[in-house]
C-alpha atoms as a PDB file:
ATOM      1  CA  MET A   1      74.503 -65.313  -1.278  1.00  0.00           C
ATOM      2  CA  GLY A   2      71.134 -65.728  -0.182  1.00  0.00           C
ATOM      3  CA  ARG A   3      69.017 -69.106  -0.880  1.00  0.00           C
ATOM      4  CA  ILE A   4      65.338 -68.926  -1.683  1.00  0.00           C
ATOM      5  CA  ALA A   5      63.031 -72.138  -2.192  1.00  0.00           C
ATOM      6  CA  VAL A   6      59.829 -72.092  -4.755  1.00  0.00           C
ATOM      7  CA  GLY A   7      57.049 -73.499  -5.188  1.00  0.00           C
ATOM      8  CA  ILE A   8      55.850 -73.999  -8.631  1.00  0.00           C
ATOM      9  CA  GLU A   9      52.196 -74.961 -10.330  1.00  0.00           C
ATOM     10  CA  TYR A  10      52.219 -76.361 -13.943  1.00  0.00           C
ATOM     11  CA  ASP A  11      50.786 -77.520 -16.922  1.00  0.00           C
ATOM     12  CA  GLY A  12      53.524 -79.471 -18.627  1.00  0.00           C
ATOM     13  CA  SER A  13      51.499 -80.066 -22.218  1.00  0.00           C
ATOM     14  CA  SER A  14      53.372 -77.025 -23.912  1.00  0.00           C
ATOM     15  CA  TYR A  15      57.038 -77.890 -22.310  1.00  0.00           C
ATOM     16  CA  CYS A  16      59.506 -80.732 -22.944  1.00  0.00           C
ATOM     17  CA  GLY A  17      59.996 -81.439 -19.354  1.00  0.00           C
ATOM     18  CA  TRP A  18      60.983 -79.441 -16.454  1.00  0.00           C
ATOM     19  CA  GLN A  19      64.880 -79.828 -17.046  1.00  0.00           C
ATOM     20  CA  GLU A  20      66.079 -77.110 -19.931  1.00  0.00           C
ATOM     21  CA  GLN A  21      67.319 -78.586 -23.368  1.00  0.00           C
ATOM     22  CA  PRO A  22      68.747 -77.211 -26.546  1.00  0.00           C
ATOM     23  CA  GLY A  23      66.301 -75.512 -28.581  1.00  0.00           C
ATOM     24  CA  ALA A  24      63.179 -76.721 -26.691  1.00  0.00           C
ATOM     25  CA  ARG A  25      60.557 -74.684 -24.477  1.00  0.00           C
ATOM     26  CA  SER A  26      61.208 -75.832 -20.434  1.00  0.00           C
ATOM     27  CA  VAL A  27      59.734 -75.501 -17.473  1.00  0.00           C
ATOM     28  CA  GLN A  28      63.149 -74.596 -16.139  1.00  0.00           C
ATOM     29  CA  SER A  29      64.022 -72.445 -18.376  1.00  0.00           C
ATOM     30  CA  THR A  30      60.835 -70.204 -18.237  1.00  0.00           C
ATOM     31  CA  VAL A  31      60.822 -69.755 -14.627  1.00  0.00           C
ATOM     32  CA  GLU A  32      64.361 -69.085 -14.600  1.00  0.00           C
ATOM     33  CA  ALA A  33      63.858 -66.408 -16.610  1.00  0.00           C
ATOM     34  CA  ALA A  34      61.137 -64.980 -14.829  1.00  0.00           C
ATOM     35  CA  LEU A  35      63.496 -65.090 -11.554  1.00  0.00           C
ATOM     36  CA  ALA A  36      66.298 -63.876 -13.139  1.00  0.00           C
ATOM     37  CA  ARG A  37      63.692 -60.503 -14.085  1.00  0.00           C
ATOM     38  CA  ILE A  38      63.157 -59.732 -10.096  1.00  0.00           C
ATOM     39  CA  ALA A  39      66.574 -60.740  -8.957  1.00  0.00           C
ATOM     40  CA  ASP A  40      68.454 -58.781 -11.696  1.00  0.00           C
ATOM     41  CA  GLU A  41      70.657 -61.334 -12.275  1.00  0.00           C
ATOM     42  CA  PRO A  42      70.703 -64.968 -13.555  1.00  0.00           C
ATOM     43  CA  VAL A  43      68.966 -67.508 -11.809  1.00  0.00           C
ATOM     44  CA  SER A  44      69.666 -71.363 -11.843  1.00  0.00           C
ATOM     45  CA  LEU A  45      66.715 -73.532 -10.487  1.00  0.00           C
ATOM     46  CA  ILE A  46      67.819 -76.829  -8.627  1.00  0.00           C
ATOM     47  CA  CYS A  47      64.041 -78.808  -8.525  1.00  0.00           C
ATOM     48  CA  ALA A  48      62.853 -81.851  -6.069  1.00  0.00           C
ATOM     49  CA  GLY A  49      62.349 -83.438  -9.132  1.00  0.00           C
ATOM     50  CA  ARG A  50      62.472 -83.586 -12.957  1.00  0.00           C
ATOM     51  CA  THR A  51      59.310 -84.192 -15.042  1.00  0.00           C
ATOM     52  CA  ASP A  52      59.486 -85.731 -18.452  1.00  0.00           C
ATOM     53  CA  ALA A  53      57.427 -83.784 -21.457  1.00  0.00           C
ATOM     54  CA  GLY A  54      53.590 -83.578 -20.933  1.00  0.00           C
ATOM     55  CA  VAL A  55      53.636 -83.630 -17.110  1.00  0.00           C
ATOM     56  CA  HIS A  56      51.762 -81.642 -14.886  1.00  0.00           C
ATOM     57  CA  ALA A  57      52.453 -80.518 -11.233  1.00  0.00           C
ATOM     58  CA  ARG A  58      50.581 -79.281  -8.760  1.00  0.00           C
ATOM     59  CA  CYS A  59      53.646 -78.398  -6.710  1.00  0.00           C
ATOM     60  CA  GLN A  60      56.995 -78.891  -7.721  1.00  0.00           C
ATOM     61  CA  VAL A  61      59.650 -77.479  -5.081  1.00  0.00           C
ATOM     62  CA  ALA A  62      63.056 -75.739  -6.216  1.00  0.00           C
ATOM     63  CA  HIS A  63      66.052 -73.473  -4.706  1.00  0.00           C
ATOM     64  CA  PHE A  64      68.426 -70.613  -6.224  1.00  0.00           C
ATOM     65  CA  GLU A  65      70.953 -68.980  -4.593  1.00  0.00           C
ATOM     66  CA  THR A  66      71.071 -65.067  -5.436  1.00  0.00           C
ATOM     67  CA  ARG A  67      72.675 -61.791  -3.833  1.00  0.00           C
ATOM     68  CA  ALA A  68      69.424 -60.216  -4.854  1.00  0.00           C
ATOM     69  CA  ARG A  69      67.828 -59.012  -1.286  1.00  0.00           C
ATOM     70  CA  ARG A  70      63.674 -59.479  -2.020  1.00  0.00           C
ATOM     71  CA  ALA A  71      60.664 -59.962   0.050  1.00  0.00           C
ATOM     72  CA  ALA A  72      58.863 -63.315  -0.153  1.00  0.00           C
ATOM     73  CA  ARG A  73      56.223 -61.416  -1.571  1.00  0.00           C
ATOM     74  CA  ALA A  74      58.071 -59.789  -4.219  1.00  0.00           C
ATOM     75  CA  TRP A  75      59.418 -62.868  -5.169  1.00  0.00           C
ATOM     76  CA  LEU A  76      56.201 -63.986  -5.424  1.00  0.00           C
ATOM     77  CA  LEU A  77      53.996 -61.404  -6.900  1.00  0.00           C
ATOM     78  CA  GLY A  78      56.939 -60.130  -9.195  1.00  0.00           C
ATOM     79  CA  THR A  79      57.718 -63.543 -10.432  1.00  0.00           C
ATOM     80  CA  ASN A  80      54.394 -64.486 -11.892  1.00  0.00           C
ATOM     81  CA  THR A  81      54.051 -61.567 -13.348  1.00  0.00           C
ATOM     82  CA  HIS A  82      56.408 -62.386 -16.050  1.00  0.00           C
ATOM     83  CA  LEU A  83      55.073 -66.043 -15.808  1.00  0.00           C
ATOM     84  CA  PRO A  84      53.143 -67.541 -19.092  1.00  0.00           C
ATOM     85  CA  PRO A  85      49.580 -68.868 -17.952  1.00  0.00           C
ATOM     86  CA  SER A  86      50.489 -72.136 -17.676  1.00  0.00           C
ATOM     87  CA  VAL A  87      52.887 -71.791 -14.698  1.00  0.00           C
ATOM     88  CA  ALA A  88      52.794 -69.885 -11.814  1.00  0.00           C
ATOM     89  CA  LEU A  89      54.880 -69.873  -8.163  1.00  0.00           C
ATOM     90  CA  ARG A  90      52.808 -70.836  -5.685  1.00  0.00           C
ATOM     91  CA  TRP A  91      55.316 -69.741  -2.889  1.00  0.00           C
ATOM     92  CA  ALA A  92      58.562 -68.277  -2.644  1.00  0.00           C
ATOM     93  CA  TRP A  93      60.397 -68.663   1.262  1.00  0.00           C
ATOM     94  CA  PRO A  94      64.198 -67.908   2.394  1.00  0.00           C
ATOM     95  CA  VAL A  95      65.553 -71.099   3.438  1.00  0.00           C
ATOM     96  CA  PRO A  96      69.025 -72.462   5.350  1.00  0.00           C
ATOM     97  CA  GLU A  97      72.073 -73.079   2.870  1.00  0.00           C
ATOM     98  CA  HIS A  98      71.652 -76.697   3.411  1.00  0.00           C
ATOM     99  CA  PHE A  99      68.562 -76.772   2.401  1.00  0.00           C
ATOM    100  CA  HIS A 100      68.599 -78.875  -1.426  1.00  0.00           C
ATOM    101  CA  ALA A 101      65.138 -78.885  -2.932  1.00  0.00           C
ATOM    102  CA  ARG A 102      66.101 -82.598  -4.207  1.00  0.00           C
ATOM    103  CA  PHE A 103      68.376 -84.330  -1.144  1.00  0.00           C
ATOM    104  CA  SER A 104      66.469 -82.460   1.930  1.00  0.00           C
ATOM    105  CA  ALA A 105      63.177 -83.978   0.064  1.00  0.00           C
ATOM    106  CA  THR A 106      61.860 -86.843   2.267  1.00  0.00           C
ATOM    107  CA  ALA A 107      59.604 -87.693   0.355  1.00  0.00           C
ATOM    108  CA  ARG A 108      57.685 -87.581  -3.475  1.00  0.00           C
ATOM    109  CA  ARG A 109      53.937 -88.048  -3.948  1.00  0.00           C
ATOM    110  CA  TYR A 110      52.526 -88.495  -7.573  1.00  0.00           C
ATOM    111  CA  ARG A 111      48.947 -88.295  -8.523  1.00  0.00           C
ATOM    112  CA  TYR A 112      47.276 -89.613 -11.803  1.00  0.00           C
ATOM    113  CA  LEU A 113      43.924 -88.603 -13.076  1.00  0.00           C
ATOM    114  CA  ILE A 114      41.466 -90.754 -14.804  1.00  0.00           C
ATOM    115  CA  LEU A 115      38.379 -89.843 -16.547  1.00  0.00           C
ATOM    116  CA  ASN A 116      36.244 -93.411 -16.728  1.00  0.00           C
ATOM    117  CA  ARG A 117      32.719 -92.670 -18.446  1.00  0.00           C
ATOM    118  CA  ALA A 118      32.374 -93.643 -22.341  1.00  0.00           C
ATOM    119  CA  ALA A 119      32.019 -89.687 -23.260  1.00  0.00           C
ATOM    120  CA  ARG A 120      35.091 -88.439 -23.932  1.00  0.00           C
ATOM    121  CA  PRO A 121      36.119 -85.083 -21.766  1.00  0.00           C
ATOM    122  CA  ALA A 122      36.644 -81.626 -22.891  1.00  0.00           C
ATOM    123  CA  LEU A 123      37.393 -79.683 -19.456  1.00  0.00           C
ATOM    124  CA  ALA A 124      39.865 -82.101 -18.646  1.00  0.00           C
ATOM    125  CA  GLN A 125      41.475 -82.871 -21.949  1.00  0.00           C
ATOM    126  CA  GLY A 126      44.787 -82.994 -21.574  1.00  0.00           C
ATOM    127  CA  ARG A 127      44.331 -82.640 -18.158  1.00  0.00           C
ATOM    128  CA  ALA A 128      43.716 -86.998 -17.281  1.00  0.00           C
ATOM    129  CA  LEU A 129      43.339 -90.208 -18.810  1.00  0.00           C
ATOM    130  CA  ALA A 130      40.169 -91.103 -20.598  1.00  0.00           C
ATOM    131  CA  VAL A 131      39.386 -94.623 -20.183  1.00  0.00           C
ATOM    132  CA  HIS A 132      36.088 -96.046 -21.818  1.00  0.00           C
ATOM    133  CA  ARG A 133      35.455 -99.560 -20.265  1.00  0.00           C
ATOM    134  CA  PRO A 134      34.555 -99.879 -16.833  1.00  0.00           C
ATOM    135  CA  LEU A 135      37.632 -99.739 -14.318  1.00  0.00           C
ATOM    136  CA  ASP A 136      38.028-101.855 -11.030  1.00  0.00           C
ATOM    137  CA  ALA A 137      39.104 -99.741  -8.616  1.00  0.00           C
ATOM    138  CA  ALA A 138      39.155-102.376  -6.060  1.00  0.00           C
ATOM    139  CA  ALA A 139      41.280-104.934  -8.414  1.00  0.00           C
ATOM    140  CA  MET A 140      43.240-101.746  -8.701  1.00  0.00           C
ATOM    141  CA  ARG A 141      43.829-101.143  -4.980  1.00  0.00           C
ATOM    142  CA  ALA A 142      44.743-104.963  -4.258  1.00  0.00           C
ATOM    143  CA  ALA A 143      47.379-105.017  -7.523  1.00  0.00           C
ATOM    144  CA  GLY A 144      49.092-101.592  -6.006  1.00  0.00           C
ATOM    145  CA  GLN A 145      49.811-103.380  -2.469  1.00  0.00           C
ATOM    146  CA  TYR A 146      52.155-106.502  -3.667  1.00  0.00           C
ATOM    147  CA  LEU A 147      54.706-103.290  -4.904  1.00  0.00           C
ATOM    148  CA  VAL A 148      54.514-101.127  -1.379  1.00  0.00           C
ATOM    149  CA  GLY A 149      57.865-101.565   0.481  1.00  0.00           C
ATOM    150  CA  VAL A 150      61.303-102.193  -0.183  1.00  0.00           C
ATOM    151  CA  HIS A 151      62.059-103.689  -3.987  1.00  0.00           C
ATOM    152  CA  ASP A 152      64.471-103.491  -6.868  1.00  0.00           C
ATOM    153  CA  PHE A 153      62.049-101.876  -9.464  1.00  0.00           C
ATOM    154  CA  SER A 154      63.864-102.879 -12.341  1.00  0.00           C
ATOM    155  CA  ALA A 155      60.158-104.225 -14.174  1.00  0.00           C
ATOM    156  CA  PHE A 156      58.988-100.416 -13.945  1.00  0.00           C
ATOM    157  CA  ARG A 157      61.938 -98.321 -15.105  1.00  0.00           C
ATOM    158  CA  ALA A 158      62.732 -96.820 -18.876  1.00  0.00           C
ATOM    159  CA  ALA A 159      65.535 -98.608 -20.663  1.00  0.00           C
ATOM    160  CA  GLN A 160      66.837 -94.727 -20.811  1.00  0.00           C
ATOM    161  CA  CYS A 161      67.122 -94.742 -16.608  1.00  0.00           C
ATOM    162  CA  GLN A 162      70.257 -93.571 -15.762  1.00  0.00           C
ATOM    163  CA  ALA A 163      69.626 -94.254 -11.651  1.00  0.00           C
ATOM    164  CA  ARG A 164      72.739 -96.355 -10.603  1.00  0.00           C
ATOM    165  CA  SER A 165      70.061 -98.507  -8.320  1.00  0.00           C
ATOM    166  CA  PRO A 166      66.670 -99.568  -9.315  1.00  0.00           C
ATOM    167  CA  VAL A 167      65.762 -99.740  -5.841  1.00  0.00           C
ATOM    168  CA  ARG A 168      63.460 -97.547  -4.021  1.00  0.00           C
ATOM    169  CA  ARG A 169      61.219 -97.419  -1.262  1.00  0.00           C
ATOM    170  CA  LEU A 170      57.449 -97.267  -1.882  1.00  0.00           C
ATOM    171  CA  HIS A 171      55.471 -95.710   1.157  1.00  0.00           C
ATOM    172  CA  CYS A 172      51.947 -96.374  -1.013  1.00  0.00           C
ATOM    173  CA  VAL A 173      49.935 -97.028  -3.869  1.00  0.00           C
ATOM    174  CA  GLU A 174      46.241 -95.465  -3.282  1.00  0.00           C
ATOM    175  CA  VAL A 175      43.382 -95.996  -5.768  1.00  0.00           C
ATOM    176  CA  GLU A 176      40.501 -93.894  -5.258  1.00  0.00           C
ATOM    177  CA  ARG A 177      37.001 -93.253  -7.025  1.00  0.00           C
ATOM    178  CA  ALA A 178      34.945 -90.226  -6.587  1.00  0.00           C
ATOM    179  CA  GLY A 179      31.803 -91.088  -9.796  1.00  0.00           C
ATOM    180  CA  ASP A 180      33.903 -91.040 -12.876  1.00  0.00           C
ATOM    181  CA  TRP A 181      36.751 -89.707 -11.409  1.00  0.00           C
ATOM    182  CA  LEU A 182      40.077 -91.829 -10.302  1.00  0.00           C
ATOM    183  CA  HIS A 183      42.923 -90.918  -8.929  1.00  0.00           C
ATOM    184  CA  ILE A 184      46.190 -93.229  -8.132  1.00  0.00           C
ATOM    185  CA  ASP A 185      48.760 -91.918  -5.475  1.00  0.00           C
ATOM    186  CA  VAL A 186      52.336 -92.992  -5.384  1.00  0.00           C
ATOM    187  CA  GLU A 187      54.493 -92.032  -2.601  1.00  0.00           C
ATOM    188  CA  ALA A 188      57.893 -93.053  -2.586  1.00  0.00           C
ATOM    189  CA  ASN A 189      61.630 -91.654  -1.523  1.00  0.00           C
ATOM    190  CA  ALA A 190      62.652 -91.378  -5.213  1.00  0.00           C
ATOM    191  CA  PHE A 191      61.743 -92.225  -8.390  1.00  0.00           C
ATOM    192  CA  LEU A 192      62.973 -94.005 -11.251  1.00  0.00           C
ATOM    193  CA  HIS A 193      62.679 -92.837 -14.606  1.00  0.00           C
ATOM    194  CA  HIS A 194      58.850 -93.562 -16.377  1.00  0.00           C
ATOM    195  CA  MET A 195      58.425 -95.732 -12.778  1.00  0.00           C
ATOM    196  CA  VAL A 196      54.873 -94.150 -11.796  1.00  0.00           C
ATOM    197  CA  ARG A 197      53.692 -94.593 -15.353  1.00  0.00           C
ATOM    198  CA  ASN A 198      54.680 -97.788 -15.599  1.00  0.00           C
ATOM    199  CA  ILE A 199      53.163 -98.898 -12.128  1.00  0.00           C
ATOM    200  CA  VAL A 200      49.902 -97.037 -13.447  1.00  0.00           C
ATOM    201  CA  GLY A 201      50.348 -99.036 -16.928  1.00  0.00           C
ATOM    202  CA  LEU A 202      49.456-101.692 -14.815  1.00  0.00           C
ATOM    203  CA  LEU A 203      47.048-100.880 -13.205  1.00  0.00           C
ATOM    204  CA  LEU A 204      45.022 -99.858 -15.591  1.00  0.00           C
ATOM    205  CA  GLU A 205      45.744-103.933 -17.229  1.00  0.00           C
ATOM    206  CA  VAL A 206      44.110-104.789 -13.771  1.00  0.00           C
ATOM    207  CA  GLY A 207      41.312-102.392 -13.841  1.00  0.00           C
ATOM    208  CA  ARG A 208      40.173-103.290 -16.747  1.00  0.00           C
ATOM    209  CA  GLY A 209      40.159-106.903 -15.964  1.00  0.00           C
ATOM    210  CA  ASP A 210      43.240-107.879 -18.440  1.00  0.00           C
ATOM    211  CA  ALA A 211      45.398-109.397 -15.803  1.00  0.00           C
ATOM    212  CA  PRO A 212      44.893-110.561 -12.007  1.00  0.00           C
ATOM    213  CA  PRO A 213      45.928-108.099  -9.253  1.00  0.00           C
ATOM    214  CA  TRP A 214      48.702-110.699  -8.300  1.00  0.00           C
ATOM    215  CA  ARG A 215      50.094-109.565 -11.505  1.00  0.00           C
ATOM    216  CA  ALA A 216      51.921-106.748 -10.132  1.00  0.00           C
ATOM    217  CA  ARG A 217      54.065-109.015  -7.576  1.00  0.00           C
ATOM    218  CA  GLU A 218      55.028-111.551 -11.033  1.00  0.00           C
ATOM    219  CA  GLN A 219      56.139-108.155 -12.545  1.00  0.00           C
ATOM    220  CA  LEU A 220      57.451-106.939  -9.667  1.00  0.00           C
ATOM    221  CA  ASP A 221      59.835-110.455  -8.996  1.00  0.00           C
ATOM    222  CA  SER A 222      60.539-110.550 -12.959  1.00  0.00           C
ATOM    223  CA  ARG A 223      63.528-107.480 -13.107  1.00  0.00           C
ATOM    224  CA  THR A 224      62.331-107.259 -16.339  1.00  0.00           C
ATOM    225  CA  ARG A 225      60.530-104.245 -18.318  1.00  0.00           C
ATOM    226  CA  SER A 226      60.324-105.733 -21.548  1.00  0.00           C
ATOM    227  CA  THR A 227      57.147-107.972 -19.668  1.00  0.00           C
ATOM    228  CA  GLY A 228      55.534-105.184 -18.356  1.00  0.00           C
ATOM    229  CA  ALA A 229      52.080-103.092 -19.533  1.00  0.00           C
ATOM    230  CA  ALA A 230      52.273-100.404 -21.906  1.00  0.00           C
ATOM    231  CA  THR A 231      52.914 -97.145 -20.222  1.00  0.00           C
ATOM    232  CA  ALA A 232      50.628 -94.917 -19.008  1.00  0.00           C
ATOM    233  CA  PRO A 233      50.467 -91.502 -20.989  1.00  0.00           C
ATOM    234  CA  ALA A 234      52.294 -88.348 -19.241  1.00  0.00           C
ATOM    235  CA  HIS A 235      49.212 -85.983 -19.401  1.00  0.00           C
ATOM    236  CA  GLY A 236      47.321 -87.978 -16.308  1.00  0.00           C
ATOM    237  CA  LEU A 237      50.249 -87.388 -14.387  1.00  0.00           C
ATOM    238  CA  TYR A 238      50.528 -84.928 -11.799  1.00  0.00           C
ATOM    239  CA  LEU A 239      54.073 -84.033  -9.090  1.00  0.00           C
ATOM    240  CA  TRP A 240      51.522 -83.655  -6.271  1.00  0.00           C
ATOM    241  CA  GLN A 241      53.714 -83.041  -3.563  1.00  0.00           C
ATOM    242  CA  VAL A 242      57.048 -83.465  -2.311  1.00  0.00           C
ATOM    243  CA  SER A 243      57.741 -83.332   1.604  1.00  0.00           C
ATOM    244  CA  TYR A 244      60.231 -81.920   3.731  1.00  0.00           C
ATOM    245  CA  ALA A 245      61.371 -81.341   7.798  1.00  0.00           C
ATOM    246  CA  PRO A 246      59.580 -79.117   9.020  1.00  0.00           C
ATOM    247  CA  GLY A 247      62.269 -77.180  10.303  1.00  0.00           C
ATOM    248  CA  PHE A 248      62.779 -75.956   7.419  1.00  0.00           C
ATOM    249  CA  GLY A 249      59.515 -73.702   7.291  1.00  0.00           C
ATOM    250  CA  LEU A 250      58.004 -74.315   3.983  1.00  0.00           C
ATOM    251  CA  PRO A 251      54.325 -73.226   3.507  1.00  0.00           C
ATOM    252  CA  ALA A 252      52.129 -76.274   4.264  1.00  0.00           C
ATOM    253  CA  ASP A 253      50.493 -78.095   1.258  1.00  0.00           C
ATOM    254  CA  SER A 254      46.866 -76.782   2.532  1.00  0.00           C
ATOM    255  CA  ALA A 255      47.771 -73.630   0.979  1.00  0.00           C
ATOM    256  CA  ILE A 256      45.756 -75.245  -2.149  1.00  0.00           C
ATOM    257  CA  ILE A 257      42.378 -75.995  -1.645  1.00  0.00           C
ATOM    258  CA  ALA A 258      40.298 -78.325  -4.525  1.00  0.00           C
ATOM    259  CA  PRO A 259      36.711 -77.451  -5.027  1.00  0.00           C
ATOM    260  CA  PRO A 260      34.163 -80.307  -5.168  1.00  0.00           C
ATOM    261  CA  GLY A 261      34.328 -81.944  -8.604  1.00  0.00           C
ATOM    262  CA  LEU A 262      37.472 -80.677  -9.832  1.00  0.00           C
ATOM    263  CA  PRO A 263      39.930 -83.373  -8.279  1.00  0.00           C
ATOM    264  CA  TRP A 264      42.667 -81.968 -11.107  1.00  0.00           C
ATOM    265  CA  ILE A 265      43.425 -78.760  -9.059  1.00  0.00           C
END
């Protein structure tokens, strides 16, 4: 048996999320079906991080085991011919048996995209959150710094979160503006259910001037989700990057280049 890792990008708008669910269209089942046609056998994927309904991915990473012997180019091009336009493999690569898409990951980065202008979007509809009130990026950035480090993130987890521990190491919270566009990057060793969207909800409250930056520390210390800001909508969120040790030889993230003016690519 060989082990293959794949990088996957997808528009999550029409999916129930990554994970396969009975009677629903999932990203996982869609990609598994396409890979199975190339492998000529059933394929079962294990991913780096499950995404919710409506959440997108710039580079989800998953692995599978197979008896089939195919060139990396054959896995990539062949599988993409059987995928819908909303899902595509970015790369496929053989990895050693000890590689695990979830447990070998050293960090995960999510990006939340916001279009901050009075006019509603057309091209970015379903790909970014439209916010009409002016947002103070500097205040949002200051609020985010209260969350960096190792903390109990109970105040930012969903009620249905099944993680055994609420403690996570948040590496960074970055807020950048480019004209009408803002993006919020959040990187951690791992995340709780809805953790990023709940952090973004709080930063939006701060950006609108409805709360001071130090509200982030106050909310964190409360360890109570019920007093937190509203959860940000799913359609602005992207699983942006998953990091692994260089020894696995996975393709560099720079394999994708964002054209100017299209920050969601």
